[in-house]
PDB file of all heavy atoms in Angstrom:
ATOM      1  N   GLU A   1       1.549  12.818  35.426  1.00  0.00           N
ATOM      2  CA  GLU A   1       1.720  11.650  36.211  1.00  0.00           C
ATOM      3  C   GLU A   1       1.731  10.316  35.344  1.00  0.00           C
ATOM      4  O   GLU A   1       2.418   9.424  35.749  1.00  0.00           O
ATOM      5  CB  GLU A   1       0.507  11.530  37.132  1.00  0.00           C
ATOM      6  CG  GLU A   1       0.482  12.535  38.240  1.00  0.00           C
ATOM      7  CD  GLU A   1       1.470  12.243  39.370  1.00  0.00           C
ATOM      8  OE1 GLU A   1       1.861  11.050  39.582  1.00  0.00           O
ATOM      9  OE2 GLU A   1       1.931  13.200  39.978  1.00  0.00           O
ATOM     10  N   ALA A   2       1.120  10.319  34.224  1.00  0.00           N
ATOM     11  CA  ALA A   2       1.072   9.093  33.464  1.00  0.00           C
ATOM     12  C   ALA A   2       2.322   8.739  32.804  1.00  0.00           C
ATOM     13  O   ALA A   2       2.518   7.613  32.297  1.00  0.00           O
ATOM     14  CB  ALA A   2      -0.035   9.239  32.341  1.00  0.00           C
ATOM     15  N   HIS A   3       3.340   9.632  32.800  1.00  0.00           N
ATOM     16  CA  HIS A   3       4.554   9.368  32.071  1.00  0.00           C
ATOM     17  C   HIS A   3       5.788   9.421  33.040  1.00  0.00           C
ATOM     18  O   HIS A   3       6.918   9.677  32.588  1.00  0.00           O
ATOM     19  CB  HIS A   3       4.763  10.464  31.003  1.00  0.00           C
ATOM     20  CG  HIS A   3       3.707  10.425  29.961  1.00  0.00           C
ATOM     21  ND1 HIS A   3       3.750   9.445  28.972  1.00  0.00           N
ATOM     22  CD2 HIS A   3       2.634  11.147  29.705  1.00  0.00           C
ATOM     23  CE1 HIS A   3       2.661   9.637  28.138  1.00  0.00           C
ATOM     24  NE2 HIS A   3       1.990  10.637  28.628  1.00  0.00           N
ATOM     25  N   LEU A   4       5.583   9.079  34.310  1.00  0.00           N
ATOM     26  CA  LEU A   4       6.688   9.118  35.246  1.00  0.00           C
ATOM     27  C   LEU A   4       7.827   8.106  34.863  1.00  0.00           C
ATOM     28  O   LEU A   4       8.945   8.316  35.293  1.00  0.00           O
ATOM     29  CB  LEU A   4       6.194   8.853  36.674  1.00  0.00           C
ATOM     30  CG  LEU A   4       5.380   9.989  37.303  1.00  0.00           C
ATOM     31  CD1 LEU A   4       4.896   9.611  38.667  1.00  0.00           C
ATOM     32  CD2 LEU A   4       6.157  11.275  37.341  1.00  0.00           C
ATOM     33  N   GLY A   5       7.504   7.042  34.237  1.00  0.00           N
ATOM     34  CA  GLY A   5       8.506   6.063  33.873  1.00  0.00           C
ATOM     35  C   GLY A   5       9.114   6.210  32.463  1.00  0.00           C
ATOM     36  O   GLY A   5      10.018   5.485  32.039  1.00  0.00           O
ATOM     37  N   ASP A   6       8.644   7.212  31.703  1.00  0.00           N
ATOM     38  CA  ASP A   6       9.061   7.406  30.370  1.00  0.00           C
ATOM     39  C   ASP A   6      10.252   8.334  30.248  1.00  0.00           C
ATOM     40  O   ASP A   6      10.207   9.444  29.684  1.00  0.00           O
ATOM     41  CB  ASP A   6       7.912   7.935  29.465  1.00  0.00           C
ATOM     42  CG  ASP A   6       6.735   7.049  29.425  1.00  0.00           C
ATOM     43  OD1 ASP A   6       6.944   5.789  29.520  1.00  0.00           O
ATOM     44  OD2 ASP A   6       5.608   7.458  29.351  1.00  0.00           O
ATOM     45  N   ILE A   7      11.388   7.919  30.794  1.00  0.00           N
ATOM     46  CA  ILE A   7      12.599   8.754  30.853  1.00  0.00           C
ATOM     47  C   ILE A   7      13.142   9.073  29.456  1.00  0.00           C
ATOM     48  O   ILE A   7      13.786  10.100  29.256  1.00  0.00           O
ATOM     49  CB  ILE A   7      13.644   8.150  31.737  1.00  0.00           C
ATOM     50  CG1 ILE A   7      14.710   9.203  32.106  1.00  0.00           C
ATOM     51  CG2 ILE A   7      14.262   6.941  31.108  1.00  0.00           C
ATOM     52  CD1 ILE A   7      15.541   8.841  33.283  1.00  0.00           C
ATOM     53  N   GLU A   8      12.830   8.197  28.480  1.00  0.00           N
ATOM     54  CA  GLU A   8      13.294   8.438  27.152  1.00  0.00           C
ATOM     55  C   GLU A   8      12.673   9.729  26.553  1.00  0.00           C
ATOM     56  O   GLU A   8      13.286  10.455  25.751  1.00  0.00           O
ATOM     57  CB  GLU A   8      12.921   7.216  26.271  1.00  0.00           C
ATOM     58  CG  GLU A   8      13.786   7.197  24.969  1.00  0.00           C
ATOM     59  CD  GLU A   8      15.314   7.138  25.224  1.00  0.00           C
ATOM     60  OE1 GLU A   8      15.732   6.537  26.233  1.00  0.00           O
ATOM     61  OE2 GLU A   8      16.020   7.747  24.401  1.00  0.00           O
ATOM     62  N   TYR A   9      11.429  10.058  26.936  1.00  0.00           N
ATOM     63  CA  TYR A   9      10.792  11.315  26.505  1.00  0.00           C
ATOM     64  C   TYR A   9      11.690  12.512  26.956  1.00  0.00           C
ATOM     65  O   TYR A   9      11.885  13.393  26.172  1.00  0.00           O
ATOM     66  CB  TYR A   9       9.405  11.464  27.149  1.00  0.00           C
ATOM     67  CG  TYR A   9       8.297  10.655  26.626  1.00  0.00           C
ATOM     68  CD1 TYR A   9       8.470   9.628  25.730  1.00  0.00           C
ATOM     69  CD2 TYR A   9       6.976  10.925  27.001  1.00  0.00           C
ATOM     70  CE1 TYR A   9       7.442   8.873  25.276  1.00  0.00           C
ATOM     71  CE2 TYR A   9       5.910  10.157  26.605  1.00  0.00           C
ATOM     72  CZ  TYR A   9       6.135   9.154  25.707  1.00  0.00           C
ATOM     73  OH  TYR A   9       5.105   8.374  25.247  1.00  0.00           O
ATOM     74  N   LEU A  10      12.109  12.414  28.214  1.00  0.00           N
ATOM     75  CA  LEU A  10      12.955  13.506  28.717  1.00  0.00           C
ATOM     76  C   LEU A  10      14.297  13.594  28.040  1.00  0.00           C
ATOM     77  O   LEU A  10      14.708  14.671  27.636  1.00  0.00           O
ATOM     78  CB  LEU A  10      13.143  13.287  30.226  1.00  0.00           C
ATOM     79  CG  LEU A  10      13.988  14.301  30.972  1.00  0.00           C
ATOM     80  CD1 LEU A  10      13.420  15.664  30.852  1.00  0.00           C
ATOM     81  CD2 LEU A  10      14.096  13.898  32.442  1.00  0.00           C
ATOM     82  N   ARG A  11      14.910  12.484  27.747  1.00  0.00           N
ATOM     83  CA  ARG A  11      16.223  12.469  27.086  1.00  0.00           C
ATOM     84  C   ARG A  11      16.108  13.008  25.671  1.00  0.00           C
ATOM     85  O   ARG A  11      16.975  13.777  25.231  1.00  0.00           O
ATOM     86  CB  ARG A  11      16.789  11.026  27.011  1.00  0.00           C
ATOM     87  CG  ARG A  11      17.219  10.530  28.383  1.00  0.00           C
ATOM     88  CD  ARG A  11      17.831   9.187  28.365  1.00  0.00           C
ATOM     89  NE  ARG A  11      18.249   8.773  29.638  1.00  0.00           N
ATOM     90  CZ  ARG A  11      18.081   7.560  30.125  1.00  0.00           C
ATOM     91  NH1 ARG A  11      17.646   6.621  29.354  1.00  0.00           N
ATOM     92  NH2 ARG A  11      18.542   7.270  31.333  1.00  0.00           N
ATOM     93  N   VAL A  12      15.107  12.620  24.948  1.00  0.00           N
ATOM     94  CA  VAL A  12      14.930  13.054  23.541  1.00  0.00           C
ATOM     95  C   VAL A  12      14.665  14.577  23.485  1.00  0.00           C
ATOM     96  O   VAL A  12      15.232  15.298  22.698  1.00  0.00           O
ATOM     97  CB  VAL A  12      13.842  12.282  22.852  1.00  0.00           C
ATOM     98  CG1 VAL A  12      13.458  12.897  21.534  1.00  0.00           C
ATOM     99  CG2 VAL A  12      14.240  10.825  22.637  1.00  0.00           C
ATOM    100  N   THR A  13      13.787  15.030  24.380  1.00  0.00           N
ATOM    101  CA  THR A  13      13.443  16.429  24.447  1.00  0.00           C
ATOM    102  C   THR A  13      14.639  17.258  24.859  1.00  0.00           C
ATOM    103  O   THR A  13      14.895  18.357  24.321  1.00  0.00           O
ATOM    104  CB  THR A  13      12.243  16.693  25.386  1.00  0.00           C
ATOM    105  OG1 THR A  13      11.176  15.875  24.968  1.00  0.00           O
ATOM    106  CG2 THR A  13      11.837  18.146  25.339  1.00  0.00           C
ATOM    107  N   MET A  14      15.422  16.751  25.824  1.00  0.00           N
ATOM    108  CA  MET A  14      16.599  17.489  26.279  1.00  0.00           C
ATOM    109  C   MET A  14      17.641  17.597  25.143  1.00  0.00           C
ATOM    110  O   MET A  14      18.275  18.604  25.009  1.00  0.00           O
ATOM    111  CB  MET A  14      17.215  16.782  27.478  1.00  0.00           C
ATOM    112  CG  MET A  14      18.381  17.553  28.062  1.00  0.00           C
ATOM    113  SD  MET A  14      18.016  19.207  28.611  1.00  0.00           S
ATOM    114  CE  MET A  14      17.093  18.862  30.121  1.00  0.00           C
ATOM    115  N   ARG A  15      17.738  16.509  24.361  1.00  0.00           N
ATOM    116  CA  ARG A  15      18.725  16.534  23.231  1.00  0.00           C
ATOM    117  C   ARG A  15      18.363  17.648  22.241  1.00  0.00           C
ATOM    118  O   ARG A  15      19.156  18.490  21.783  1.00  0.00           O
ATOM    119  CB  ARG A  15      18.759  15.191  22.574  1.00  0.00           C
ATOM    120  CG  ARG A  15      19.757  15.178  21.432  1.00  0.00           C
ATOM    121  CD  ARG A  15      19.940  13.802  20.910  1.00  0.00           C
ATOM    122  NE  ARG A  15      21.023  13.810  19.928  1.00  0.00           N
ATOM    123  CZ  ARG A  15      20.822  13.413  18.647  1.00  0.00           C
ATOM    124  NH1 ARG A  15      19.670  12.984  18.288  1.00  0.00           N
ATOM    125  NH2 ARG A  15      21.800  13.493  17.791  1.00  0.00           N
ATOM    126  N   GLY A  16      17.050  17.667  21.887  1.00  0.00           N
ATOM    127  CA  GLY A  16      16.577  18.724  20.999  1.00  0.00           C
ATOM    128  C   GLY A  16      16.739  20.115  21.556  1.00  0.00           C
ATOM    129  O   GLY A  16      17.150  21.066  20.820  1.00  0.00           O
ATOM    130  N   LEU A  17      16.488  20.288  22.873  1.00  0.00           N
ATOM    131  CA  LEU A  17      16.640  21.567  23.517  1.00  0.00           C
ATOM    132  C   LEU A  17      18.079  22.027  23.468  1.00  0.00           C
ATOM    133  O   LEU A  17      18.439  23.170  23.283  1.00  0.00           O
ATOM    134  CB  LEU A  17      16.118  21.472  24.965  1.00  0.00           C
ATOM    135  CG  LEU A  17      15.892  22.748  25.736  1.00  0.00           C
ATOM    136  CD1 LEU A  17      15.046  23.750  24.969  1.00  0.00           C
ATOM    137  CD2 LEU A  17      15.342  22.440  27.059  1.00  0.00           C
ATOM    138  N   ARG A  18      19.021  21.090  23.786  1.00  0.00           N
ATOM    139  CA  ARG A  18      20.432  21.348  23.746  1.00  0.00           C
ATOM    140  C   ARG A  18      20.891  21.809  22.312  1.00  0.00           C
ATOM    141  O   ARG A  18      21.717  22.730  22.198  1.00  0.00           O
ATOM    142  CB  ARG A  18      21.225  20.205  24.188  1.00  0.00           C
ATOM    143  CG  ARG A  18      21.291  19.960  25.667  1.00  0.00           C
ATOM    144  CD  ARG A  18      22.172  18.841  26.042  1.00  0.00           C
ATOM    145  NE  ARG A  18      22.346  18.813  27.458  1.00  0.00           N
ATOM    146  CZ  ARG A  18      22.579  17.645  28.110  1.00  0.00           C
ATOM    147  NH1 ARG A  18      22.640  16.557  27.444  1.00  0.00           N
ATOM    148  NH2 ARG A  18      22.712  17.675  29.411  1.00  0.00           N
ATOM    149  N   GLN A  19      20.357  21.209  21.320  1.00  0.00           N
ATOM    150  CA  GLN A  19      20.716  21.537  19.966  1.00  0.00           C
ATOM    151  C   GLN A  19      20.312  22.963  19.629  1.00  0.00           C
ATOM    152  O   GLN A  19      20.997  23.689  18.883  1.00  0.00           O
ATOM    153  CB  GLN A  19      19.983  20.604  18.924  1.00  0.00           C
ATOM    154  CG  GLN A  19      20.447  19.179  18.999  1.00  0.00           C
ATOM    155  CD  GLN A  19      21.856  18.952  18.525  1.00  0.00           C
ATOM    156  OE1 GLN A  19      22.335  19.598  17.604  1.00  0.00           O
ATOM    157  NE2 GLN A  19      22.482  18.026  19.123  1.00  0.00           N
ATOM    158  N   LYS A  20      19.262  23.457  20.264  1.00  0.00           N
ATOM    159  CA  LYS A  20      18.762  24.832  20.043  1.00  0.00           C
ATOM    160  C   LYS A  20      19.286  25.880  20.948  1.00  0.00           C
ATOM    161  O   LYS A  20      19.460  27.035  20.528  1.00  0.00           O
ATOM    162  CB  LYS A  20      17.201  24.803  20.141  1.00  0.00           C
ATOM    163  CG  LYS A  20      16.561  23.928  19.029  1.00  0.00           C
ATOM    164  CD  LYS A  20      15.060  23.792  19.269  1.00  0.00           C
ATOM    165  CE  LYS A  20      14.490  22.865  18.268  1.00  0.00           C
ATOM    166  NZ  LYS A  20      13.000  22.756  18.383  1.00  0.00           N
ATOM    167  N   ILE A  21      19.688  25.479  22.186  1.00  0.00           N
ATOM    168  CA  ILE A  21      20.095  26.466  23.189  1.00  0.00           C
ATOM    169  C   ILE A  21      21.617  26.551  23.329  1.00  0.00           C
ATOM    170  O   ILE A  21      22.139  27.637  23.544  1.00  0.00           O
ATOM    171  CB  ILE A  21      19.402  26.170  24.492  1.00  0.00           C
ATOM    172  CG1 ILE A  21      17.871  26.255  24.425  1.00  0.00           C
ATOM    173  CG2 ILE A  21      19.959  27.049  25.663  1.00  0.00           C
ATOM    174  CD1 ILE A  21      17.407  27.673  24.223  1.00  0.00           C
ATOM    175  N   GLU A  22      22.215  25.418  23.432  1.00  0.00           N
ATOM    176  CA  GLU A  22      23.696  25.403  23.619  1.00  0.00           C
ATOM    177  C   GLU A  22      24.498  25.861  22.490  1.00  0.00           C
ATOM    178  O   GLU A  22      24.182  25.576  21.302  1.00  0.00           O
ATOM    179  CB  GLU A  22      24.140  23.958  24.061  1.00  0.00           C
ATOM    180  CG  GLU A  22      23.558  23.437  25.305  1.00  0.00           C
ATOM    181  CD  GLU A  22      24.196  23.974  26.571  1.00  0.00           C
ATOM    182  OE1 GLU A  22      25.215  24.698  26.469  1.00  0.00           O
ATOM    183  OE2 GLU A  22      23.715  23.621  27.666  1.00  0.00           O
ATOM    184  N   SER A  23      25.624  26.566  22.769  1.00  0.00           N
ATOM    185  CA  SER A  23      26.533  26.936  21.692  1.00  0.00           C
ATOM    186  C   SER A  23      27.310  25.692  21.123  1.00  0.00           C
ATOM    187  O   SER A  23      27.610  25.641  19.952  1.00  0.00           O
ATOM    188  CB  SER A  23      27.508  28.001  22.143  1.00  0.00           C
ATOM    189  OG  SER A  23      28.211  27.553  23.262  1.00  0.00           O
ATOM    190  N   ASP A  24      27.623  24.737  22.033  1.00  0.00           N
ATOM    191  CA  ASP A  24      28.248  23.450  21.664  1.00  0.00           C
ATOM    192  C   ASP A  24      27.444  22.362  22.346  1.00  0.00           C
ATOM    193  O   ASP A  24      27.761  22.032  23.542  1.00  0.00           O
ATOM    194  CB  ASP A  24      29.710  23.415  22.071  1.00  0.00           C
ATOM    195  CG  ASP A  24      30.398  22.155  21.697  1.00  0.00           C
ATOM    196  OD1 ASP A  24      29.774  21.287  20.998  1.00  0.00           O
ATOM    197  OD2 ASP A  24      31.576  21.965  22.073  1.00  0.00           O
ATOM    198  N   PRO A  25      26.412  21.792  21.697  1.00  0.00           N
ATOM    199  CA  PRO A  25      25.558  20.788  22.303  1.00  0.00           C
ATOM    200  C   PRO A  25      26.365  19.557  22.859  1.00  0.00           C
ATOM    201  O   PRO A  25      25.891  18.913  23.774  1.00  0.00           O
ATOM    202  CB  PRO A  25      24.604  20.370  21.220  1.00  0.00           C
ATOM    203  CG  PRO A  25      24.618  21.479  20.233  1.00  0.00           C
ATOM    204  CD  PRO A  25      26.039  22.054  20.310  1.00  0.00           C
ATOM    205  N   GLY A  26      27.511  19.292  22.302  1.00  0.00           N
ATOM    206  CA  GLY A  26      28.329  18.134  22.775  1.00  0.00           C
ATOM    207  C   GLY A  26      28.986  18.439  24.130  1.00  0.00           C
ATOM    208  O   GLY A  26      29.392  17.499  24.817  1.00  0.00           O
ATOM    209  N   ARG A  27      29.151  19.701  24.452  1.00  0.00           N
ATOM    210  CA  ARG A  27      29.720  20.080  25.758  1.00  0.00           C
ATOM    211  C   ARG A  27      28.838  21.170  26.356  1.00  0.00           C
ATOM    212  O   ARG A  27      29.101  22.372  26.379  1.00  0.00           O
ATOM    213  CB  ARG A  27      31.117  20.694  25.535  1.00  0.00           C
ATOM    214  CG  ARG A  27      32.043  19.629  25.035  1.00  0.00           C
ATOM    215  CD  ARG A  27      33.460  20.252  24.820  1.00  0.00           C
ATOM    216  NE  ARG A  27      34.315  19.259  24.212  1.00  0.00           N
ATOM    217  CZ  ARG A  27      35.616  19.366  24.056  1.00  0.00           C
ATOM    218  NH1 ARG A  27      36.166  20.454  24.447  1.00  0.00           N
ATOM    219  NH2 ARG A  27      36.259  18.398  23.497  1.00  0.00           N
TER     220      ARG A  27
END
């Protein structure tokens, strides 16, 4: 609940996750 406005946390974590999971993180 304390981080509902911290959308940048989500974006940064999603970027790292894409780098590790996606075959082509750009697409």
